[in-house]
Structures are given as structure tokens and as C-alpha cells.
Amino acid sequence: MRVQAERTGPRHLRNSANGFSLIELLIVVAIILIIAAIAIPNFIRAKIAANEAAAVAACKKIMTAEVVYASTYGQGYSQTLAQLGPPGGGGTPDMNKAALLDEVLTSGTKHGYIFTYAPIDTDGNGLPESFTINADPIIPGSSGDRHFYMDQSGVVRQKANAAAGPGDPPIG
């Protein structure tokens, strides 16, 4: 014989305790929206700051790779960023594919920035004696706010609203 649990209280009180009212749900949704409105701008600012820091680090990495390239091959700096990249098919590094940078950075785009490398042949002998690197945000205001510039001196310079150059202030 089955014994059923005794149900107490009026039927309408039992049913109202089974769920949330519409007002309670709207209050929870409003609280979630307020938290999101506070958190999303902070997340975007953090992402921009991280992209900018990564762009500066990438400029310094390119600089280091250029110094290693010039001292290893004795032909001045590289003609392109691609020459600093890994050899295809696991081949042996040489002056055309020196394996000093990863293939993403040598493609010219990384961490929301576009990297523009320009070798400079100052004496006309066909070998680059200097170079410049510009790092510009792909989507200004979204992937980064500042533009960066670096040359063979190793000083990273910045500008807020346009491409940076040798006359702009160094990062600080």
C-alpha cells in the first residue's frame, strides 16, 4: 500500500512557490545588463592595451632578428620581413629564410596591428644599412589606439592619430 505525502495549504499558495515572478526575472536581467555595461568597456580597453604592448614587443623582436640577420649573413639588414621567417618544409635556414621570426609576424599582421618594414640602402651598394618598422592598428580605436615607429636605433616611437615617424616621442 502506498502512502502519499500529505499536501498542506491552499492550492494557489503551492503553485506560486514553484517559480519566479516576471518582476523578479526583469530585476535579474536589469542587474546583468548593468554589470555588462560596466565590464565591456573595461574589457575593450584591456584588449587595446594588450595589443599595443604586443605590437611594441613585436617591433623589438624584429629589431633583434635584424641584428642577428646582419651579423650572421654579413649582407646588411634583410630586404623583407619574409626573409626573417622560417624556411618552408622544414628546410635549413639561410639568408632567404633565416628562421628568426614566426610566419605570422613575417606576414606583416599580428595582434591587431599591421607591420610595415622598409629597408634603406643609404650608400647605393644594394645592401640595406638601415631600416624602419611601422606598426599601425588594423582598426584604430578597436585593435589599438597608438601607432608605433622603430628604426635600427632600437627606439620605439609613438603617435596617437597617425603613422608614427622618427620625430615622434619615444614610448615611456
N, C-alpha and C. Protein backbone atom coordinates (compact mmCIF):
# COMPACT_ATOMS: atom_id res chain seq x y z
N MET A 1 0.83 -1.16 0.00
CA MET A 1 0.00 0.00 0.00
C MET A 1 0.89 1.24 0.00
N ARG A 2 0.58 2.16 -0.88
CA ARG A 2 1.34 3.40 -0.98
C ARG A 2 0.81 4.44 -0.03
N VAL A 3 1.79 5.12 0.53
CA VAL A 3 1.41 6.23 1.40
C VAL A 3 1.78 7.51 0.68
N GLN A 4 0.83 8.35 0.44
CA GLN A 4 1.09 9.62 -0.23
C GLN A 4 1.40 10.69 0.80
N ALA A 5 2.33 11.55 0.42
CA ALA A 5 2.65 12.67 1.30
C ALA A 5 1.46 13.58 1.41
N GLU A 6 1.22 14.04 2.57
CA GLU A 6 0.07 14.90 2.80
C GLU A 6 0.37 16.29 2.25
N ARG A 7 -0.54 16.78 1.45
CA ARG A 7 -0.40 18.11 0.89
C ARG A 7 -1.12 19.08 1.79
N THR A 8 -0.38 20.09 2.17
CA THR A 8 -0.99 21.07 3.05
C THR A 8 -1.08 22.42 2.37
N GLY A 9 -1.95 23.23 2.86
CA GLY A 9 -2.09 24.59 2.36
C GLY A 9 -2.99 24.67 1.16
N PRO A 10 -3.47 25.85 0.91
CA PRO A 10 -4.34 26.05 -0.27
C PRO A 10 -3.56 25.84 -1.57
N ARG A 11 -4.26 25.43 -2.56
CA ARG A 11 -3.65 25.10 -3.86
C ARG A 11 -2.93 26.31 -4.47
N HIS A 12 -3.46 27.50 -4.39
CA HIS A 12 -2.83 28.67 -5.02
C HIS A 12 -1.50 29.04 -4.34
N LEU A 13 -1.28 28.73 -3.09
CA LEU A 13 -0.02 29.02 -2.43
C LEU A 13 1.07 28.04 -2.88
N ARG A 14 0.71 26.81 -3.10
CA ARG A 14 1.69 25.82 -3.56
C ARG A 14 2.19 26.18 -4.95
N ASN A 15 1.36 26.57 -5.85
CA ASN A 15 1.75 26.87 -7.23
C ASN A 15 2.61 28.13 -7.32
N SER A 16 2.37 29.13 -6.49
CA SER A 16 3.13 30.36 -6.58
C SER A 16 4.56 30.18 -6.08
N ALA A 17 4.85 29.18 -5.33
CA ALA A 17 6.19 28.95 -4.80
C ALA A 17 7.07 28.17 -5.78
N ASN A 18 6.54 27.73 -6.90
CA ASN A 18 7.28 26.89 -7.83
C ASN A 18 8.17 27.66 -8.79
N GLY A 19 8.04 28.96 -8.95
CA GLY A 19 8.83 29.69 -9.92
C GLY A 19 9.02 31.14 -9.53
N PHE A 20 9.63 31.91 -10.45
CA PHE A 20 9.88 33.32 -10.23
C PHE A 20 8.81 34.13 -10.91
N SER A 21 8.52 35.26 -10.36
CA SER A 21 7.55 36.15 -11.00
C SER A 21 8.25 36.91 -12.12
N LEU A 22 7.47 37.51 -12.97
CA LEU A 22 8.01 38.29 -14.08
C LEU A 22 8.84 39.47 -13.56
N ILE A 23 8.42 40.09 -12.52
CA ILE A 23 9.15 41.23 -11.93
C ILE A 23 10.52 40.77 -11.44
N GLU A 24 10.58 39.63 -10.78
CA GLU A 24 11.85 39.12 -10.28
C GLU A 24 12.81 38.82 -11.43
N LEU A 25 12.30 38.25 -12.49
CA LEU A 25 13.15 37.97 -13.67
C LEU A 25 13.64 39.25 -14.32
N LEU A 26 12.78 40.25 -14.41
CA LEU A 26 13.19 41.52 -15.00
C LEU A 26 14.26 42.21 -14.16
N ILE A 27 14.17 42.10 -12.85
CA ILE A 27 15.19 42.69 -11.98
C ILE A 27 16.53 41.99 -12.19
N VAL A 28 16.53 40.68 -12.30
CA VAL A 28 17.77 39.93 -12.54
C VAL A 28 18.38 40.32 -13.88
N VAL A 29 17.55 40.41 -14.91
CA VAL A 29 18.05 40.80 -16.24
C VAL A 29 18.62 42.22 -16.18
N ALA A 30 17.96 43.14 -15.49
CA ALA A 30 18.46 44.51 -15.37
C ALA A 30 19.81 44.54 -14.67
N ILE A 31 19.99 43.75 -13.63
CA ILE A 31 21.26 43.70 -12.91
C ILE A 31 22.36 43.16 -13.83
N ILE A 32 22.06 42.14 -14.60
CA ILE A 32 23.05 41.57 -15.53
C ILE A 32 23.44 42.61 -16.59
N LEU A 33 22.48 43.35 -17.09
CA LEU A 33 22.78 44.38 -18.10
C LEU A 33 23.63 45.50 -17.52
N ILE A 34 23.38 45.89 -16.29
CA ILE A 34 24.20 46.93 -15.65
C ILE A 34 25.64 46.45 -15.48
N ILE A 35 25.82 45.22 -15.06
CA ILE A 35 27.17 44.66 -14.90
C ILE A 35 27.88 44.59 -16.25
N ALA A 36 27.16 44.18 -17.29
CA ALA A 36 27.75 44.11 -18.64
C ALA A 36 28.13 45.49 -19.14
N ALA A 37 27.30 46.50 -18.86
CA ALA A 37 27.60 47.86 -19.30
C ALA A 37 28.86 48.40 -18.64
N ILE A 38 29.15 47.94 -17.45
CA ILE A 38 30.37 48.35 -16.76
C ILE A 38 31.57 47.56 -17.26
N ALA A 39 31.40 46.26 -17.48
CA ALA A 39 32.52 45.37 -17.79
C ALA A 39 33.00 45.47 -19.23
N ILE A 40 32.11 45.64 -20.20
CA ILE A 40 32.50 45.59 -21.61
C ILE A 40 33.49 46.70 -21.98
N PRO A 41 33.28 47.96 -21.61
CA PRO A 41 34.29 48.98 -21.96
C PRO A 41 35.65 48.70 -21.32
N ASN A 42 35.64 48.19 -20.09
CA ASN A 42 36.91 47.84 -19.45
C ASN A 42 37.61 46.71 -20.20
N PHE A 43 36.84 45.75 -20.68
CA PHE A 43 37.42 44.64 -21.45
C PHE A 43 38.02 45.16 -22.76
N ILE A 44 37.34 46.07 -23.42
CA ILE A 44 37.84 46.61 -24.69
C ILE A 44 39.13 47.41 -24.45
N ARG A 45 39.17 48.22 -23.39
CA ARG A 45 40.39 48.97 -23.08
C ARG A 45 41.55 48.02 -22.76
N ALA A 46 41.26 46.95 -22.05
CA ALA A 46 42.31 45.97 -21.72
C ALA A 46 42.83 45.29 -22.99
N LYS A 47 41.92 44.99 -23.91
CA LYS A 47 42.32 44.36 -25.17
C LYS A 47 43.20 45.30 -26.00
N ILE A 48 42.85 46.58 -26.04
CA ILE A 48 43.65 47.56 -26.78
C ILE A 48 45.03 47.68 -26.15
N ALA A 49 45.09 47.77 -24.83
CA ALA A 49 46.38 47.87 -24.14
C ALA A 49 47.24 46.64 -24.40
N ALA A 50 46.63 45.47 -24.41
CA ALA A 50 47.38 44.24 -24.68
C ALA A 50 47.89 44.21 -26.12
N ASN A 51 47.07 44.63 -27.07
CA ASN A 51 47.51 44.69 -28.47
C ASN A 51 48.66 45.67 -28.65
N GLU A 52 48.58 46.83 -27.99
CA GLU A 52 49.66 47.81 -28.11
C GLU A 52 50.96 47.29 -27.51
N ALA A 53 50.87 46.64 -26.36
CA ALA A 53 52.07 46.07 -25.74
C ALA A 53 52.66 44.98 -26.63
N ALA A 54 51.80 44.17 -27.24
CA ALA A 54 52.28 43.12 -28.14
C ALA A 54 52.92 43.72 -29.39
N ALA A 55 52.39 44.83 -29.89
CA ALA A 55 52.97 45.48 -31.07
C ALA A 55 54.36 46.02 -30.77
N VAL A 56 54.53 46.63 -29.61
CA VAL A 56 55.84 47.13 -29.21
C VAL A 56 56.82 45.97 -29.07
N ALA A 57 56.38 44.90 -28.44
CA ALA A 57 57.24 43.71 -28.28
C ALA A 57 57.62 43.13 -29.64
N ALA A 58 56.68 43.13 -30.58
CA ALA A 58 56.97 42.62 -31.92
C ALA A 58 58.00 43.50 -32.64
N CYS A 59 57.90 44.81 -32.47
CA CYS A 59 58.90 45.72 -33.06
C CYS A 59 60.28 45.39 -32.51
N LYS A 60 60.38 45.20 -31.21
CA LYS A 60 61.67 44.87 -30.60
C LYS A 60 62.17 43.50 -31.07
N LYS A 61 61.24 42.58 -31.28
CA LYS A 61 61.62 41.25 -31.77
C LYS A 61 62.17 41.34 -33.21
N ILE A 62 61.53 42.17 -34.02
CA ILE A 62 62.03 42.39 -35.39
C ILE A 62 63.42 43.01 -35.34
N MET A 63 63.62 43.97 -34.46
CA MET A 63 64.92 44.62 -34.31
C MET A 63 66.00 43.59 -33.96
N THR A 64 65.71 42.74 -32.99
CA THR A 64 66.66 41.70 -32.59
C THR A 64 66.96 40.75 -33.75
N ALA A 65 65.91 40.36 -34.47
CA ALA A 65 66.09 39.46 -35.61
C ALA A 65 66.96 40.11 -36.69
N GLU A 66 66.78 41.42 -36.91
CA GLU A 66 67.57 42.13 -37.91
C GLU A 66 69.05 42.18 -37.52
N VAL A 67 69.32 42.41 -36.25
CA VAL A 67 70.72 42.45 -35.79
C VAL A 67 71.36 41.07 -35.97
N VAL A 68 70.64 40.01 -35.61
CA VAL A 68 71.16 38.65 -35.78
C VAL A 68 71.37 38.35 -37.26
N TYR A 69 70.40 38.74 -38.10
CA TYR A 69 70.50 38.52 -39.54
C TYR A 69 71.74 39.21 -40.11
N ALA A 70 71.91 40.48 -39.77
CA ALA A 70 73.04 41.26 -40.31
C ALA A 70 74.38 40.68 -39.86
N SER A 71 74.46 40.26 -38.60
CA SER A 71 75.74 39.72 -38.12
C SER A 71 76.00 38.29 -38.61
N THR A 72 74.94 37.54 -38.87
CA THR A 72 75.11 36.16 -39.34
C THR A 72 75.48 36.11 -40.82
N TYR A 73 74.80 36.88 -41.66
CA TYR A 73 74.98 36.76 -43.10
C TYR A 73 75.88 37.84 -43.70
N GLY A 74 76.20 38.90 -42.97
CA GLY A 74 77.12 39.91 -43.46
C GLY A 74 76.65 40.62 -44.71
N GLN A 75 75.35 40.68 -44.92
CA GLN A 75 74.80 41.32 -46.12
C GLN A 75 73.90 42.50 -45.75
N GLY A 76 74.16 43.10 -44.62
CA GLY A 76 73.29 44.18 -44.15
C GLY A 76 72.01 43.60 -43.58
N TYR A 77 71.01 44.46 -43.44
CA TYR A 77 69.72 44.01 -42.92
C TYR A 77 68.95 43.30 -44.03
N SER A 78 67.87 42.62 -43.67
CA SER A 78 67.09 41.88 -44.66
C SER A 78 66.35 42.83 -45.60
N GLN A 79 65.99 42.33 -46.77
CA GLN A 79 65.24 43.12 -47.75
C GLN A 79 63.75 43.14 -47.41
N THR A 80 63.25 42.05 -46.77
CA THR A 80 61.83 41.94 -46.42
C THR A 80 61.70 41.24 -45.07
N LEU A 81 60.53 41.37 -44.47
CA LEU A 81 60.25 40.61 -43.24
C LEU A 81 60.23 39.11 -43.53
N ALA A 82 59.78 38.73 -44.72
CA ALA A 82 59.68 37.31 -45.07
C ALA A 82 61.04 36.63 -45.01
N GLN A 83 62.13 37.35 -45.27
CA GLN A 83 63.47 36.75 -45.19
C GLN A 83 63.83 36.34 -43.76
N LEU A 84 63.16 36.89 -42.79
CA LEU A 84 63.43 36.56 -41.40
C LEU A 84 62.59 35.38 -40.92
N GLY A 85 61.68 34.91 -41.75
CA GLY A 85 60.75 33.85 -41.38
C GLY A 85 61.34 32.45 -41.51
N PRO A 86 60.55 31.46 -41.11
CA PRO A 86 61.02 30.08 -41.15
C PRO A 86 61.07 29.54 -42.57
N PRO A 87 62.02 28.64 -42.85
CA PRO A 87 62.07 28.02 -44.18
C PRO A 87 60.88 27.07 -44.35
N GLY A 88 60.37 27.01 -45.54
CA GLY A 88 59.24 26.12 -45.81
C GLY A 88 59.67 24.66 -45.85
N GLY A 89 58.76 23.80 -45.40
CA GLY A 89 59.02 22.36 -45.46
C GLY A 89 60.10 21.88 -44.51
N GLY A 90 60.42 22.65 -43.50
CA GLY A 90 61.42 22.22 -42.53
C GLY A 90 62.84 22.27 -43.07
N GLY A 91 63.08 23.12 -44.06
CA GLY A 91 64.41 23.22 -44.64
C GLY A 91 65.41 23.89 -43.71
N THR A 92 66.62 24.00 -44.18
CA THR A 92 67.70 24.62 -43.41
C THR A 92 67.63 26.14 -43.56
N PRO A 93 67.76 26.88 -42.46
CA PRO A 93 67.75 28.34 -42.55
C PRO A 93 68.90 28.86 -43.40
N ASP A 94 68.62 29.90 -44.17
CA ASP A 94 69.65 30.58 -44.96
C ASP A 94 69.29 32.06 -45.03
N MET A 95 69.97 32.84 -45.82
CA MET A 95 69.72 34.28 -45.84
C MET A 95 68.38 34.64 -46.47
N ASN A 96 67.74 33.71 -47.18
CA ASN A 96 66.42 33.98 -47.75
C ASN A 96 65.29 33.59 -46.81
N LYS A 97 65.54 32.67 -45.91
CA LYS A 97 64.58 32.24 -44.88
C LYS A 97 65.39 31.92 -43.63
N ALA A 98 65.64 32.93 -42.81
CA ALA A 98 66.59 32.83 -41.72
C ALA A 98 66.06 32.17 -40.45
N ALA A 99 64.75 31.92 -40.37
CA ALA A 99 64.13 31.28 -39.20
C ALA A 99 64.36 32.08 -37.91
N LEU A 100 64.28 33.41 -38.01
CA LEU A 100 64.46 34.27 -36.84
C LEU A 100 63.13 34.78 -36.29
N LEU A 101 62.07 34.76 -37.09
CA LEU A 101 60.74 35.19 -36.67
C LEU A 101 59.71 34.15 -37.09
N ASP A 102 58.55 34.18 -36.44
CA ASP A 102 57.48 33.24 -36.83
C ASP A 102 56.78 33.72 -38.10
N GLU A 103 56.08 32.80 -38.74
CA GLU A 103 55.44 33.11 -40.03
C GLU A 103 54.31 34.11 -39.89
N VAL A 104 53.68 34.22 -38.72
CA VAL A 104 52.60 35.19 -38.55
C VAL A 104 53.15 36.61 -38.58
N LEU A 105 54.21 36.86 -37.83
CA LEU A 105 54.80 38.20 -37.80
C LEU A 105 55.41 38.57 -39.15
N THR A 106 56.04 37.62 -39.81
CA THR A 106 56.64 37.93 -41.11
C THR A 106 55.60 38.15 -42.19
N SER A 107 54.34 37.76 -41.94
CA SER A 107 53.27 38.06 -42.89
C SER A 107 52.90 39.54 -42.83
N GLY A 108 53.26 40.22 -41.73
CA GLY A 108 53.03 41.65 -41.61
C GLY A 108 51.82 42.02 -40.77
N THR A 109 51.09 41.05 -40.25
CA THR A 109 49.91 41.33 -39.43
C THR A 109 49.92 40.43 -38.20
N LYS A 110 49.84 41.07 -37.02
CA LYS A 110 49.80 40.28 -35.79
C LYS A 110 49.25 41.14 -34.67
N HIS A 111 48.46 40.56 -33.79
CA HIS A 111 47.92 41.22 -32.60
C HIS A 111 47.13 42.49 -32.94
N GLY A 112 46.39 42.48 -34.03
CA GLY A 112 45.58 43.64 -34.39
C GLY A 112 46.36 44.78 -35.02
N TYR A 113 47.61 44.54 -35.39
CA TYR A 113 48.47 45.58 -35.98
C TYR A 113 49.01 45.12 -37.32
N ILE A 114 49.25 46.08 -38.19
CA ILE A 114 49.90 45.85 -39.47
C ILE A 114 51.33 46.37 -39.35
N PHE A 115 52.30 45.52 -39.67
CA PHE A 115 53.72 45.89 -39.58
C PHE A 115 54.24 46.15 -40.99
N THR A 116 54.79 47.35 -41.18
CA THR A 116 55.35 47.73 -42.47
C THR A 116 56.86 47.89 -42.30
N TYR A 117 57.60 47.06 -43.00
CA TYR A 117 59.06 47.05 -42.91
C TYR A 117 59.62 47.68 -44.18
N ALA A 118 60.59 48.60 -44.02
CA ALA A 118 61.22 49.24 -45.18
C ALA A 118 62.74 49.26 -45.00
N PRO A 119 63.47 48.47 -45.82
CA PRO A 119 64.93 48.53 -45.76
C PRO A 119 65.41 49.81 -46.45
N ILE A 120 66.54 50.34 -46.00
CA ILE A 120 67.06 51.58 -46.58
C ILE A 120 68.51 51.35 -46.99
N ASP A 121 68.77 51.54 -48.27
CA ASP A 121 70.13 51.41 -48.83
C ASP A 121 70.71 52.82 -48.89
N THR A 122 71.50 53.17 -47.91
CA THR A 122 72.00 54.55 -47.81
C THR A 122 73.16 54.87 -48.74
N ASP A 123 73.95 53.87 -49.15
CA ASP A 123 75.10 54.18 -50.00
C ASP A 123 74.98 53.63 -51.42
N GLY A 124 73.84 53.04 -51.77
CA GLY A 124 73.61 52.59 -53.14
C GLY A 124 74.31 51.29 -53.51
N ASN A 125 74.82 50.52 -52.54
CA ASN A 125 75.51 49.27 -52.85
C ASN A 125 74.56 48.06 -52.94
N GLY A 126 73.26 48.29 -52.76
CA GLY A 126 72.30 47.21 -52.85
C GLY A 126 72.05 46.48 -51.54
N LEU A 127 72.77 46.85 -50.49
CA LEU A 127 72.60 46.22 -49.19
C LEU A 127 71.99 47.23 -48.22
N PRO A 128 70.92 46.83 -47.53
CA PRO A 128 70.30 47.76 -46.58
C PRO A 128 71.20 48.02 -45.36
N GLU A 129 71.53 49.28 -45.16
CA GLU A 129 72.33 49.66 -43.99
C GLU A 129 71.45 50.12 -42.83
N SER A 130 70.19 50.37 -43.10
CA SER A 130 69.24 50.75 -42.06
C SER A 130 67.85 50.28 -42.48
N PHE A 131 66.89 50.46 -41.58
CA PHE A 131 65.52 50.04 -41.87
C PHE A 131 64.56 50.81 -40.97
N THR A 132 63.28 50.77 -41.33
CA THR A 132 62.22 51.32 -40.49
C THR A 132 61.11 50.28 -40.36
N ILE A 133 60.43 50.34 -39.23
CA ILE A 133 59.27 49.49 -38.99
C ILE A 133 58.15 50.40 -38.50
N ASN A 134 57.01 50.31 -39.15
CA ASN A 134 55.82 51.00 -38.67
C ASN A 134 54.80 49.94 -38.25
N ALA A 135 54.22 50.13 -37.08
CA ALA A 135 53.15 49.26 -36.59
C ALA A 135 51.91 50.12 -36.42
N ASP A 136 50.90 49.84 -37.23
CA ASP A 136 49.67 50.64 -37.21
C ASP A 136 48.49 49.74 -36.91
N PRO A 137 47.55 50.19 -36.06
CA PRO A 137 46.40 49.36 -35.74
C PRO A 137 45.56 49.07 -36.99
N ILE A 138 45.07 47.85 -37.09
CA ILE A 138 44.22 47.48 -38.23
C ILE A 138 42.94 48.31 -38.19
N ILE A 139 42.33 48.38 -37.02
CA ILE A 139 41.11 49.19 -36.82
C ILE A 139 41.40 50.17 -35.69
N PRO A 140 41.81 51.39 -36.02
CA PRO A 140 42.12 52.36 -34.96
C PRO A 140 40.93 52.55 -34.02
N GLY A 141 41.22 52.54 -32.72
CA GLY A 141 40.17 52.67 -31.72
C GLY A 141 39.59 51.35 -31.29
N SER A 142 39.85 50.29 -32.06
CA SER A 142 39.33 48.97 -31.70
C SER A 142 40.47 47.98 -31.45
N SER A 143 41.39 47.88 -32.40
CA SER A 143 42.52 46.96 -32.19
C SER A 143 43.71 47.66 -31.55
N GLY A 144 43.70 48.98 -31.54
CA GLY A 144 44.77 49.76 -30.92
C GLY A 144 44.51 51.24 -31.11
N ASP A 145 45.09 52.04 -30.22
CA ASP A 145 44.92 53.49 -30.32
C ASP A 145 46.18 54.18 -30.85
N ARG A 146 47.35 53.64 -30.51
CA ARG A 146 48.60 54.30 -30.87
C ARG A 146 49.27 53.63 -32.06
N HIS A 147 50.03 54.43 -32.81
CA HIS A 147 50.84 53.97 -33.93
C HIS A 147 52.29 53.99 -33.46
N PHE A 148 53.09 53.03 -33.93
CA PHE A 148 54.47 52.92 -33.46
C PHE A 148 55.44 52.94 -34.63
N TYR A 149 56.65 53.42 -34.35
CA TYR A 149 57.72 53.50 -35.34
C TYR A 149 59.02 53.07 -34.67
N MET A 150 59.86 52.36 -35.41
CA MET A 150 61.17 51.96 -34.91
C MET A 150 62.13 51.88 -36.09
N ASP A 151 63.37 52.27 -35.84
CA ASP A 151 64.40 52.08 -36.85
C ASP A 151 65.56 51.31 -36.23
N GLN A 152 66.67 51.25 -36.93
CA GLN A 152 67.81 50.44 -36.46
C GLN A 152 68.39 50.93 -35.14
N SER A 153 68.00 52.13 -34.69
CA SER A 153 68.49 52.63 -33.40
C SER A 153 67.87 51.87 -32.23
N GLY A 154 66.72 51.24 -32.46
CA GLY A 154 66.06 50.47 -31.40
C GLY A 154 65.11 51.26 -30.54
N VAL A 155 64.92 52.55 -30.84
CA VAL A 155 64.00 53.39 -30.07
C VAL A 155 62.60 53.27 -30.67
N VAL A 156 61.63 52.87 -29.86
CA VAL A 156 60.25 52.76 -30.32
C VAL A 156 59.57 54.10 -30.06
N ARG A 157 58.99 54.67 -31.11
CA ARG A 157 58.32 55.97 -31.03
C ARG A 157 56.83 55.78 -31.25
N GLN A 158 56.03 56.72 -30.75
CA GLN A 158 54.58 56.59 -30.83
C GLN A 158 53.91 57.86 -31.30
N LYS A 159 52.72 57.69 -31.86
CA LYS A 159 51.87 58.81 -32.23
C LYS A 159 50.43 58.35 -32.08
N ALA A 160 49.57 59.25 -31.65
CA ALA A 160 48.21 58.85 -31.32
C ALA A 160 47.29 58.68 -32.53
N ASN A 161 47.29 59.58 -33.48
CA ASN A 161 46.26 59.58 -34.50
C ASN A 161 46.73 59.34 -35.93
N ALA A 162 48.00 59.13 -36.13
CA ALA A 162 48.52 58.91 -37.48
C ALA A 162 49.79 58.08 -37.38
N ALA A 163 50.30 57.67 -38.53
CA ALA A 163 51.52 56.87 -38.55
C ALA A 163 52.66 57.61 -37.85
N ALA A 164 53.37 56.90 -37.00
CA ALA A 164 54.47 57.49 -36.26
C ALA A 164 55.71 57.58 -37.15
N GLY A 165 56.62 58.47 -36.79
CA GLY A 165 57.84 58.64 -37.56
C GLY A 165 59.01 58.94 -36.64
N PRO A 166 60.18 59.23 -37.22
CA PRO A 166 61.39 59.44 -36.42
C PRO A 166 61.34 60.68 -35.53
N GLY A 167 60.47 61.63 -35.80
CA GLY A 167 60.38 62.83 -34.98
C GLY A 167 59.40 62.75 -33.83
N ASP A 168 58.70 61.63 -33.70
CA ASP A 168 57.70 61.50 -32.64
C ASP A 168 58.37 61.07 -31.33
N PRO A 169 57.68 61.30 -30.21
CA PRO A 169 58.29 60.98 -28.91
C PRO A 169 58.41 59.48 -28.69
N PRO A 170 59.46 59.07 -27.99
CA PRO A 170 59.60 57.65 -27.66
C PRO A 170 58.53 57.22 -26.64
N ILE A 171 58.24 55.93 -26.63
CA ILE A 171 57.28 55.45 -25.64
C ILE A 171 57.91 55.57 -24.27
N GLY A 172 57.08 55.74 -23.26
CA GLY A 172 57.63 55.95 -21.94
C GLY A 172 56.97 55.22 -20.86
